Amino acid sequence: MKYLKDAVYGFAVGDALGVPFEFKKRGSFSCSGMIGGGTWSEPAGTWSDDTSMLLATMDSIRACGCIDPDDMMQRFLRWYRDADYTCNGDVFDIGMTTRSAIQRFADGVPSFLCGASDERSNGNGSLMRILPLAFTAATDEEINTISALTHAHDLSLLCCRQYVAVARHLLEHGEMPKEWTERMRSTPMEAIRSTGYVLDSLTAAIWCVVNTENYEQAVLTAVNLGEDTDTIGALTGGLAGILYGIGDIPEDWLQTLRNPSAIDNCLF
């Protein structure tokens, strides 16, 4: 599908750029390219749970030809238990809310009851995997359902709908929505929080795309915000991939990205 590969590779590269710097405070490091080591001691080009869960979501859509929540949860379980959809055959990063939801599904709880709906369970674990739905005819209700597999609070549902809406606007118009552009251009970096809280992550990713002029600037800005560097790098990279295309991603980053065949096998 047109632009899907741009978005997914943009997402995965942003994820891999951020992996070595996850949890580090803003200003304590400088990311200027794809490196290894750091927080997780992984090789350069390693992507994390963000890309793995996005691939599982995308592969479900590819295989089923529709939005199938039970099939997606089965694929999340295969990722969690068997390291399917991983970069190196290793699940080295998973959020607590996501882990709990997948374990409930493994224990026999119906998929639509697995997600946590309390206010404290508003991490970015569903936002990180929602991008493929922008390339389908998924309704708001279906977006809510897929978020709620792990994150069922209204705020998580809203942020997922907003991210899909921004991606679809980029696909249709080739530019960021005016309401976001006007708001984010007047917001200083000091006001942008880069935590794993779902609203912070959504806002940071959109801010990075609005306030930069190409893919490289966007994802480096995202990672250098600090804290949840892989997810915000990925979320930014997905949008920037649509906006600028895979041809704007530095070639050495694409060459360093590990296990690209796992990505290609899930495209629809």
C-alpha atoms as a PDB file:
ATOM      1  CA  MET A   1       0.000   0.000   0.000  1.00  0.00           C
ATOM      2  CA  LYS A   2       1.270   3.465  -0.899  1.00  0.00           C
ATOM      3  CA  TYR A   3       3.069   5.219   1.961  1.00  0.00           C
ATOM      4  CA  LEU A   4       2.765   2.272   4.365  1.00  0.00           C
ATOM      5  CA  LYS A   5       6.387   1.251   3.860  1.00  0.00           C
ATOM      6  CA  ASP A   6       7.479   4.897   4.299  1.00  0.00           C
ATOM      7  CA  ALA A   7       5.577   5.099   7.573  1.00  0.00           C
ATOM      8  CA  VAL A   8       6.727   1.767   8.980  1.00  0.00           C
ATOM      9  CA  TYR A   9      10.389   2.216   8.115  1.00  0.00           C
ATOM     10  CA  GLY A  10      10.198   5.772   9.436  1.00  0.00           C
ATOM     11  CA  PHE A  11       8.746   4.354  12.653  1.00  0.00           C
ATOM     12  CA  ALA A  12      11.313   1.564  13.024  1.00  0.00           C
ATOM     13  CA  VAL A  13      14.289   3.816  12.367  1.00  0.00           C
ATOM     14  CA  GLY A  14      13.040   6.348  14.911  1.00  0.00           C
ATOM     15  CA  ASP A  15      12.599   3.519  17.403  1.00  0.00           C
ATOM     16  CA  ALA A  16      16.124   2.187  16.805  1.00  0.00           C
ATOM     17  CA  LEU A  17      17.655   5.644  17.150  1.00  0.00           C
ATOM     18  CA  GLY A  18      16.019   6.019  20.543  1.00  0.00           C
ATOM     19  CA  VAL A  19      16.715   2.581  22.040  1.00  0.00           C
ATOM     20  CA  PRO A  20      20.224   3.379  23.383  1.00  0.00           C
ATOM     21  CA  PHE A  21      19.009   6.541  25.134  1.00  0.00           C
ATOM     22  CA  GLU A  22      15.785   5.376  26.769  1.00  0.00           C
ATOM     23  CA  PHE A  23      15.201   6.823  30.274  1.00  0.00           C
ATOM     24  CA  LYS A  24      18.039   9.347  29.947  1.00  0.00           C
ATOM     25  CA  LYS A  25      17.272  12.916  30.933  1.00  0.00           C
ATOM     26  CA  ARG A  26      17.086  15.694  28.386  1.00  0.00           C
ATOM     27  CA  GLY A  27      20.407  17.471  28.085  1.00  0.00           C
ATOM     28  CA  SER A  28      22.432  14.566  29.496  1.00  0.00           C
ATOM     29  CA  PHE A  29      23.237  13.112  26.060  1.00  0.00           C
ATOM     30  CA  SER A  30      23.251  13.983  22.373  1.00  0.00           C
ATOM     31  CA  CYS A  31      21.959  11.652  19.683  1.00  0.00           C
ATOM     32  CA  SER A  32      23.298  12.418  16.209  1.00  0.00           C
ATOM     33  CA  GLY A  33      22.980   9.027  14.551  1.00  0.00           C
ATOM     34  CA  MET A  34      22.406   5.288  14.857  1.00  0.00           C
ATOM     35  CA  ILE A  35      24.521   3.741  17.614  1.00  0.00           C
ATOM     36  CA  GLY A  36      24.497   0.643  19.796  1.00  0.00           C
ATOM     37  CA  GLY A  37      25.074   0.099  23.497  1.00  0.00           C
ATOM     38  CA  GLY A  38      23.479   2.477  25.927  1.00  0.00           C
ATOM     39  CA  THR A  39      20.447   1.639  28.033  1.00  0.00           C
ATOM     40  CA  TRP A  40      19.794  -1.863  26.696  1.00  0.00           C
ATOM     41  CA  SER A  41      23.314  -2.776  25.443  1.00  0.00           C
ATOM     42  CA  GLU A  42      21.851  -3.771  22.082  1.00  0.00           C
ATOM     43  CA  PRO A  43      23.608  -3.579  18.695  1.00  0.00           C
ATOM     44  CA  ALA A  44      23.129  -0.483  16.553  1.00  0.00           C
ATOM     45  CA  GLY A  45      19.918  -0.587  14.553  1.00  0.00           C
ATOM     46  CA  THR A  46      17.966  -2.606  17.122  1.00  0.00           C
ATOM     47  CA  TRP A  47      14.295  -1.737  17.413  1.00  0.00           C
ATOM     48  CA  SER A  48      12.152  -2.386  20.462  1.00  0.00           C
ATOM     49  CA  ASP A  49       8.674  -3.423  21.550  1.00  0.00           C
ATOM     50  CA  ASP A  50       7.262  -0.386  19.744  1.00  0.00           C
ATOM     51  CA  THR A  51       8.085  -1.773  16.309  1.00  0.00           C
ATOM     52  CA  SER A  52       7.390  -5.373  17.349  1.00  0.00           C
ATOM     53  CA  MET A  53       3.826  -4.575  18.405  1.00  0.00           C
ATOM     54  CA  LEU A  54       3.266  -2.417  15.333  1.00  0.00           C
ATOM     55  CA  LEU A  55       4.423  -5.335  13.156  1.00  0.00           C
ATOM     56  CA  ALA A  56       2.101  -7.740  14.970  1.00  0.00           C
ATOM     57  CA  THR A  57      -0.787  -5.332  14.397  1.00  0.00           C
ATOM     58  CA  MET A  58       0.110  -4.890  10.741  1.00  0.00           C
ATOM     59  CA  ASP A  59       0.616  -8.615  10.157  1.00  0.00           C
ATOM     60  CA  SER A  60      -2.815  -9.329  11.601  1.00  0.00           C
ATOM     61  CA  ILE A  61      -4.407  -6.880   9.174  1.00  0.00           C
ATOM     62  CA  ARG A  62      -2.414  -8.420   6.311  1.00  0.00           C
ATOM     63  CA  ALA A  63      -3.370 -11.987   7.189  1.00  0.00           C
ATOM     64  CA  CYS A  64      -7.025 -11.389   8.057  1.00  0.00           C
ATOM     65  CA  GLY A  65      -7.847  -8.656   5.572  1.00  0.00           C
ATOM     66  CA  CYS A  66      -9.734  -6.858   8.321  1.00  0.00           C
ATOM     67  CA  ILE A  67      -9.470  -5.615  11.913  1.00  0.00           C
ATOM     68  CA  ASP A  68      -9.594  -8.751  14.065  1.00  0.00           C
ATOM     69  CA  PRO A  69      -8.963  -8.057  17.795  1.00  0.00           C
ATOM     70  CA  ASP A  70      -8.655 -11.728  18.780  1.00  0.00           C
ATOM     71  CA  ASP A  71      -6.121 -12.407  16.045  1.00  0.00           C
ATOM     72  CA  MET A  72      -4.099  -9.354  17.102  1.00  0.00           C
ATOM     73  CA  MET A  73      -4.019 -10.520  20.686  1.00  0.00           C
ATOM     74  CA  GLN A  74      -2.872 -13.955  19.573  1.00  0.00           C
ATOM     75  CA  ARG A  75       0.016 -12.261  17.741  1.00  0.00           C
ATOM     76  CA  PHE A  76       0.848 -10.086  20.750  1.00  0.00           C
ATOM     77  CA  LEU A  77       0.974 -13.274  22.807  1.00  0.00           C
ATOM     78  CA  ARG A  78       3.326 -14.907  20.290  1.00  0.00           C
ATOM     79  CA  TRP A  79       5.553 -11.856  20.514  1.00  0.00           C
ATOM     80  CA  TYR A  80       5.538 -11.917  24.312  1.00  0.00           C
ATOM     81  CA  ARG A  81       6.010 -15.693  24.705  1.00  0.00           C
ATOM     82  CA  ASP A  82       7.924 -16.719  21.595  1.00  0.00           C
ATOM     83  CA  ALA A  83       9.686 -13.483  20.548  1.00  0.00           C
ATOM     84  CA  ASP A  84       7.862 -13.377  17.204  1.00  0.00           C
ATOM     85  CA  TYR A  85       8.146  -9.987  15.474  1.00  0.00           C
ATOM     86  CA  THR A  86      11.316  -9.134  17.369  1.00  0.00           C
ATOM     87  CA  CYS A  87      14.527  -7.710  15.996  1.00  0.00           C
ATOM     88  CA  ASN A  88      17.010 -10.097  17.616  1.00  0.00           C
ATOM     89  CA  GLY A  89      14.820 -12.928  18.931  1.00  0.00           C
ATOM     90  CA  ASP A  90      14.624 -11.195  22.299  1.00  0.00           C
ATOM     91  CA  VAL A  91      11.814  -9.287  24.038  1.00  0.00           C
ATOM     92  CA  PHE A  92      13.910  -6.825  26.012  1.00  0.00           C
ATOM     93  CA  ASP A  93      11.336  -4.102  26.679  1.00  0.00           C
ATOM     94  CA  ILE A  94       7.634  -4.353  27.527  1.00  0.00           C
ATOM     95  CA  GLY A  95       5.338  -2.048  29.479  1.00  0.00           C
ATOM     96  CA  MET A  96       3.621  -3.311  32.604  1.00  0.00           C
ATOM     97  CA  THR A  97       0.096  -2.522  31.371  1.00  0.00           C
ATOM     98  CA  THR A  98       0.750  -4.308  28.087  1.00  0.00           C
ATOM     99  CA  ARG A  99       2.309  -7.292  29.843  1.00  0.00           C
ATOM    100  CA  SER A 100      -0.659  -7.607  32.200  1.00  0.00           C
ATOM    101  CA  ALA A 101      -3.199  -7.428  29.379  1.00  0.00           C
ATOM    102  CA  ILE A 102      -1.421 -10.090  27.317  1.00  0.00           C
ATOM    103  CA  GLN A 103      -1.121 -12.332  30.367  1.00  0.00           C
ATOM    104  CA  ARG A 104      -4.850 -11.983  31.046  1.00  0.00           C
ATOM    105  CA  PHE A 105      -5.527 -13.049  27.460  1.00  0.00           C
ATOM    106  CA  ALA A 106      -3.194 -16.022  27.911  1.00  0.00           C
ATOM    107  CA  ASP A 107      -5.157 -16.943  31.034  1.00  0.00           C
ATOM    108  CA  GLY A 108      -8.391 -17.120  29.046  1.00  0.00           C
ATOM    109  CA  VAL A 109      -9.874 -13.656  29.522  1.00  0.00           C
ATOM    110  CA  PRO A 110     -11.716 -12.462  26.376  1.00  0.00           C
ATOM    111  CA  SER A 111      -9.666  -9.941  24.392  1.00  0.00           C
ATOM    112  CA  PHE A 112     -12.205  -7.139  24.859  1.00  0.00           C
ATOM    113  CA  LEU A 113     -11.822  -7.400  28.642  1.00  0.00           C
ATOM    114  CA  CYS A 114      -8.018  -7.539  28.814  1.00  0.00           C
ATOM    115  CA  GLY A 115      -7.128  -3.836  28.689  1.00  0.00           C
ATOM    116  CA  ALA A 116      -6.803  -1.723  31.823  1.00  0.00           C
ATOM    117  CA  SER A 117      -9.268   1.162  32.080  1.00  0.00           C
ATOM    118  CA  ASP A 118      -8.035   2.920  35.217  1.00  0.00           C
ATOM    119  CA  GLU A 119      -6.579   6.413  34.949  1.00  0.00           C
ATOM    120  CA  ARG A 120      -3.103   5.278  35.980  1.00  0.00           C
ATOM    121  CA  SER A 121      -2.937   2.906  32.994  1.00  0.00           C
ATOM    122  CA  ASN A 122      -2.412   5.628  30.414  1.00  0.00           C
ATOM    123  CA  GLY A 123       1.035   4.763  29.172  1.00  0.00           C
ATOM    124  CA  ASN A 124       1.747   4.864  25.451  1.00  0.00           C
ATOM    125  CA  GLY A 125       1.561   1.088  24.907  1.00  0.00           C
ATOM    126  CA  SER A 126      -1.434   1.194  22.567  1.00  0.00           C
ATOM    127  CA  LEU A 127      -0.427   4.440  20.862  1.00  0.00           C
ATOM    128  CA  MET A 128       2.884   2.855  19.816  1.00  0.00           C
ATOM    129  CA  ARG A 129       1.149   0.197  17.711  1.00  0.00           C
ATOM    130  CA  ILE A 130      -1.873   2.026  16.268  1.00  0.00           C
ATOM    131  CA  LEU A 131      -0.334   3.519  13.092  1.00  0.00           C
ATOM    132  CA  PRO A 132      -1.281   0.661  10.703  1.00  0.00           C
ATOM    133  CA  LEU A 133      -4.953   1.449  11.274  1.00  0.00           C
ATOM    134  CA  ALA A 134      -4.451   4.771   9.459  1.00  0.00           C
ATOM    135  CA  PHE A 135      -3.971   2.717   6.281  1.00  0.00           C
ATOM    136  CA  THR A 136      -7.313   0.940   6.675  1.00  0.00           C
ATOM    137  CA  ALA A 137     -10.942   2.034   6.796  1.00  0.00           C
ATOM    138  CA  ALA A 138     -10.988   1.479  10.567  1.00  0.00           C
ATOM    139  CA  THR A 139     -13.715   3.465  12.289  1.00  0.00           C
ATOM    140  CA  ASP A 140     -13.235   5.359  15.538  1.00  0.00           C
ATOM    141  CA  GLU A 141     -14.983   2.492  17.281  1.00  0.00           C
ATOM    142  CA  GLU A 142     -12.525  -0.008  15.830  1.00  0.00           C
ATOM    143  CA  ILE A 143      -9.567   2.191  16.799  1.00  0.00           C
ATOM    144  CA  ASN A 144     -10.981   2.293  20.332  1.00  0.00           C
ATOM    145  CA  THR A 145     -11.329  -1.484  20.350  1.00  0.00           C
ATOM    146  CA  ILE A 146      -7.735  -2.068  19.272  1.00  0.00           C
ATOM    147  CA  SER A 147      -6.362   0.389  21.823  1.00  0.00           C
ATOM    148  CA  ALA A 148      -8.494  -1.214  24.521  1.00  0.00           C
ATOM    149  CA  LEU A 149      -6.862  -4.598  24.017  1.00  0.00           C
ATOM    150  CA  THR A 150      -4.215  -3.255  26.379  1.00  0.00           C
ATOM    151  CA  HIS A 151      -5.130   0.362  27.220  1.00  0.00           C
ATOM    152  CA  ALA A 152      -8.855   0.982  27.652  1.00  0.00           C
ATOM    153  CA  HIS A 153      -9.026   4.344  29.434  1.00  0.00           C
ATOM    154  CA  ASP A 154     -10.799   7.099  27.482  1.00  0.00           C
ATOM    155  CA  LEU A 155      -7.608   9.169  27.248  1.00  0.00           C
ATOM    156  CA  SER A 156      -5.663   6.352  25.592  1.00  0.00           C
ATOM    157  CA  LEU A 157      -8.534   5.792  23.173  1.00  0.00           C
ATOM    158  CA  LEU A 158      -8.624   9.505  22.333  1.00  0.00           C
ATOM    159  CA  CYS A 159      -4.872   9.740  21.753  1.00  0.00           C
ATOM    160  CA  CYS A 160      -4.941   6.728  19.439  1.00  0.00           C
ATOM    161  CA  ARG A 161      -7.789   8.268  17.432  1.00  0.00           C
ATOM    162  CA  GLN A 162      -5.900  11.562  17.238  1.00  0.00           C
ATOM    163  CA  TYR A 163      -2.677   9.925  16.020  1.00  0.00           C
ATOM    164  CA  VAL A 164      -4.531   7.978  13.333  1.00  0.00           C
ATOM    165  CA  ALA A 165      -6.352  11.161  12.303  1.00  0.00           C
ATOM    166  CA  VAL A 166      -3.058  13.070  11.936  1.00  0.00           C
ATOM    167  CA  ALA A 167      -1.559  10.237   9.882  1.00  0.00           C
ATOM    168  CA  ARG A 168      -4.614  10.149   7.630  1.00  0.00           C
ATOM    169  CA  HIS A 169      -4.449  13.919   7.171  1.00  0.00           C
ATOM    170  CA  LEU A 170      -0.823  13.577   6.088  1.00  0.00           C
ATOM    171  CA  LEU A 171      -1.790  10.839   3.656  1.00  0.00           C
ATOM    172  CA  GLU A 172      -4.567  12.936   2.142  1.00  0.00           C
ATOM    173  CA  HIS A 173      -3.068  16.434   2.222  1.00  0.00           C
ATOM    174  CA  GLY A 174       0.703  15.993   2.514  1.00  0.00           C
ATOM    175  CA  GLU A 175       0.938  18.363   5.473  1.00  0.00           C
ATOM    176  CA  MET A 176       0.211  18.454   9.181  1.00  0.00           C
ATOM    177  CA  PRO A 177      -3.278  19.531  10.276  1.00  0.00           C
ATOM    178  CA  LYS A 178      -3.528  23.300  10.644  1.00  0.00           C
ATOM    179  CA  GLU A 179      -4.887  23.175  14.196  1.00  0.00           C
ATOM    180  CA  TRP A 180      -1.879  21.179  15.381  1.00  0.00           C
ATOM    181  CA  THR A 181       0.575  23.283  13.390  1.00  0.00           C
ATOM    182  CA  GLU A 182      -0.662  26.556  14.840  1.00  0.00           C
ATOM    183  CA  ARG A 183      -0.656  25.214  18.370  1.00  0.00           C
ATOM    184  CA  MET A 184       2.707  23.438  18.278  1.00  0.00           C
ATOM    185  CA  ARG A 185       4.647  26.208  16.526  1.00  0.00           C
ATOM    186  CA  SER A 186       3.810  28.522  19.400  1.00  0.00           C
ATOM    187  CA  THR A 187       4.824  25.966  22.054  1.00  0.00           C
ATOM    188  CA  PRO A 188       8.432  26.133  23.315  1.00  0.00           C
ATOM    189  CA  MET A 189      10.458  22.957  23.771  1.00  0.00           C
ATOM    190  CA  GLU A 190      10.563  23.586  27.519  1.00  0.00           C
ATOM    191  CA  ALA A 191       6.817  22.970  27.627  1.00  0.00           C
ATOM    192  CA  ILE A 192       7.080  19.604  25.858  1.00  0.00           C
ATOM    193  CA  ARG A 193       7.187  16.571  28.133  1.00  0.00           C
ATOM    194  CA  SER A 194       8.700  13.397  26.704  1.00  0.00           C
ATOM    195  CA  THR A 195       7.457  10.819  29.186  1.00  0.00           C
ATOM    196  CA  GLY A 196       5.651   7.538  28.576  1.00  0.00           C
ATOM    197  CA  TYR A 197       2.331   9.149  29.514  1.00  0.00           C
ATOM    198  CA  VAL A 198       0.185   8.784  26.417  1.00  0.00           C
ATOM    199  CA  LEU A 199      -0.763  12.450  26.042  1.00  0.00           C
ATOM    200  CA  ASP A 200       2.850  13.565  26.531  1.00  0.00           C
ATOM    201  CA  SER A 201       4.035  11.108  23.877  1.00  0.00           C
ATOM    202  CA  LEU A 202       1.415  12.145  21.328  1.00  0.00           C
ATOM    203  CA  THR A 203       2.076  15.842  21.873  1.00  0.00           C
ATOM    204  CA  ALA A 204       5.858  15.449  21.715  1.00  0.00           C
ATOM    205  CA  ALA A 205       5.738  13.494  18.448  1.00  0.00           C
ATOM    206  CA  ILE A 206       3.497  16.026  16.741  1.00  0.00           C
ATOM    207  CA  TRP A 207       5.593  18.911  18.085  1.00  0.00           C
ATOM    208  CA  CYS A 208       8.738  17.368  16.613  1.00  0.00           C
ATOM    209  CA  VAL A 209       7.212  16.986  13.152  1.00  0.00           C
ATOM    210  CA  VAL A 210       5.726  20.487  13.148  1.00  0.00           C
ATOM    211  CA  ASN A 211       8.943  22.186  14.255  1.00  0.00           C
ATOM    212  CA  THR A 212      11.405  20.487  11.886  1.00  0.00           C
ATOM    213  CA  GLU A 213      11.904  20.418   8.128  1.00  0.00           C
ATOM    214  CA  ASN A 214      12.928  16.865   7.234  1.00  0.00           C
ATOM    215  CA  TYR A 215      12.917  13.297   8.526  1.00  0.00           C
ATOM    216  CA  GLU A 216      16.379  13.410  10.087  1.00  0.00           C
ATOM    217  CA  GLN A 217      15.697  16.618  12.004  1.00  0.00           C
ATOM    218  CA  ALA A 218      12.349  15.321  13.229  1.00  0.00           C
ATOM    219  CA  VAL A 219      13.575  12.041  14.721  1.00  0.00           C
ATOM    220  CA  LEU A 220      16.796  13.439  16.172  1.00  0.00           C
ATOM    221  CA  THR A 221      14.773  16.185  17.832  1.00  0.00           C
ATOM    222  CA  ALA A 222      12.424  13.538  19.219  1.00  0.00           C
ATOM    223  CA  VAL A 223      15.170  11.347  20.653  1.00  0.00           C
ATOM    224  CA  ASN A 224      17.039  14.292  22.133  1.00  0.00           C
ATOM    225  CA  LEU A 225      13.955  15.249  24.138  1.00  0.00           C
ATOM    226  CA  GLY A 226      15.005  12.400  26.428  1.00  0.00           C
ATOM    227  CA  GLU A 227      13.101   9.942  28.642  1.00  0.00           C
ATOM    228  CA  ASP A 228      10.871   7.709  26.459  1.00  0.00           C
ATOM    229  CA  THR A 229      13.216   8.159  23.530  1.00  0.00           C
ATOM    230  CA  ASP A 230      12.380   5.012  21.566  1.00  0.00           C
ATOM    231  CA  THR A 231       8.615   5.457  21.566  1.00  0.00           C
ATOM    232  CA  ILE A 232       8.651   9.183  20.864  1.00  0.00           C
ATOM    233  CA  GLY A 233      11.295   8.619  18.199  1.00  0.00           C
ATOM    234  CA  ALA A 234       9.095   5.936  16.662  1.00  0.00           C
ATOM    235  CA  LEU A 235       5.866   7.940  16.816  1.00  0.00           C
ATOM    236  CA  THR A 236       7.637  10.935  15.286  1.00  0.00           C
ATOM    237  CA  GLY A 237       9.310   8.757  12.679  1.00  0.00           C
ATOM    238  CA  GLY A 238       6.038   7.214  11.570  1.00  0.00           C
ATOM    239  CA  LEU A 239       4.499  10.599  10.819  1.00  0.00           C
ATOM    240  CA  ALA A 240       7.711  11.980   9.313  1.00  0.00           C
ATOM    241  CA  GLY A 241       7.990   8.863   7.147  1.00  0.00           C
ATOM    242  CA  ILE A 242       4.598   9.637   5.622  1.00  0.00           C
ATOM    243  CA  LEU A 243       5.403  13.321   5.215  1.00  0.00           C
ATOM    244  CA  TYR A 244       8.871  13.011   3.672  1.00  0.00           C
ATOM    245  CA  GLY A 245       9.012   9.448   2.351  1.00  0.00           C
ATOM    246  CA  ILE A 246      11.519   6.654   2.868  1.00  0.00           C
ATOM    247  CA  GLY A 247      13.887   8.392   0.455  1.00  0.00           C
ATOM    248  CA  ASP A 248      14.454  11.120   3.029  1.00  0.00           C
ATOM    249  CA  ILE A 249      15.670   8.669   5.684  1.00  0.00           C
ATOM    250  CA  PRO A 250      19.495   8.676   5.771  1.00  0.00           C
ATOM    251  CA  GLU A 251      20.732   5.670   3.824  1.00  0.00           C
ATOM    252  CA  ASP A 252      23.235   4.646   6.496  1.00  0.00           C
ATOM    253  CA  TRP A 253      20.430   4.460   9.035  1.00  0.00           C
ATOM    254  CA  LEU A 254      18.411   2.191   6.753  1.00  0.00           C
ATOM    255  CA  GLN A 255      21.461   0.037   6.147  1.00  0.00           C
ATOM    256  CA  THR A 256      22.101  -0.255   9.892  1.00  0.00           C
ATOM    257  CA  LEU A 257      18.493  -1.141  10.763  1.00  0.00           C
ATOM    258  CA  ARG A 258      18.412  -4.767  11.864  1.00  0.00           C
ATOM    259  CA  ASN A 259      16.167  -7.501  10.478  1.00  0.00           C
ATOM    260  CA  PRO A 260      14.374  -5.487   7.773  1.00  0.00           C
ATOM    261  CA  SER A 261      12.912  -8.706   6.364  1.00  0.00           C
ATOM    262  CA  ALA A 262      10.723  -8.976   9.471  1.00  0.00           C
ATOM    263  CA  ILE A 263       9.309  -5.577   8.571  1.00  0.00           C
ATOM    264  CA  ASP A 264       8.841  -6.354   4.877  1.00  0.00           C
ATOM    265  CA  ASN A 265       7.044  -9.629   5.648  1.00  0.00           C
ATOM    266  CA  CYS A 266       4.302  -7.790   7.546  1.00  0.00           C
ATOM    267  CA  LEU A 267       3.513  -5.065   5.008  1.00  0.00           C
ATOM    268  CA  PHE A 268       0.068  -5.175   3.400  1.00  0.00           C
END
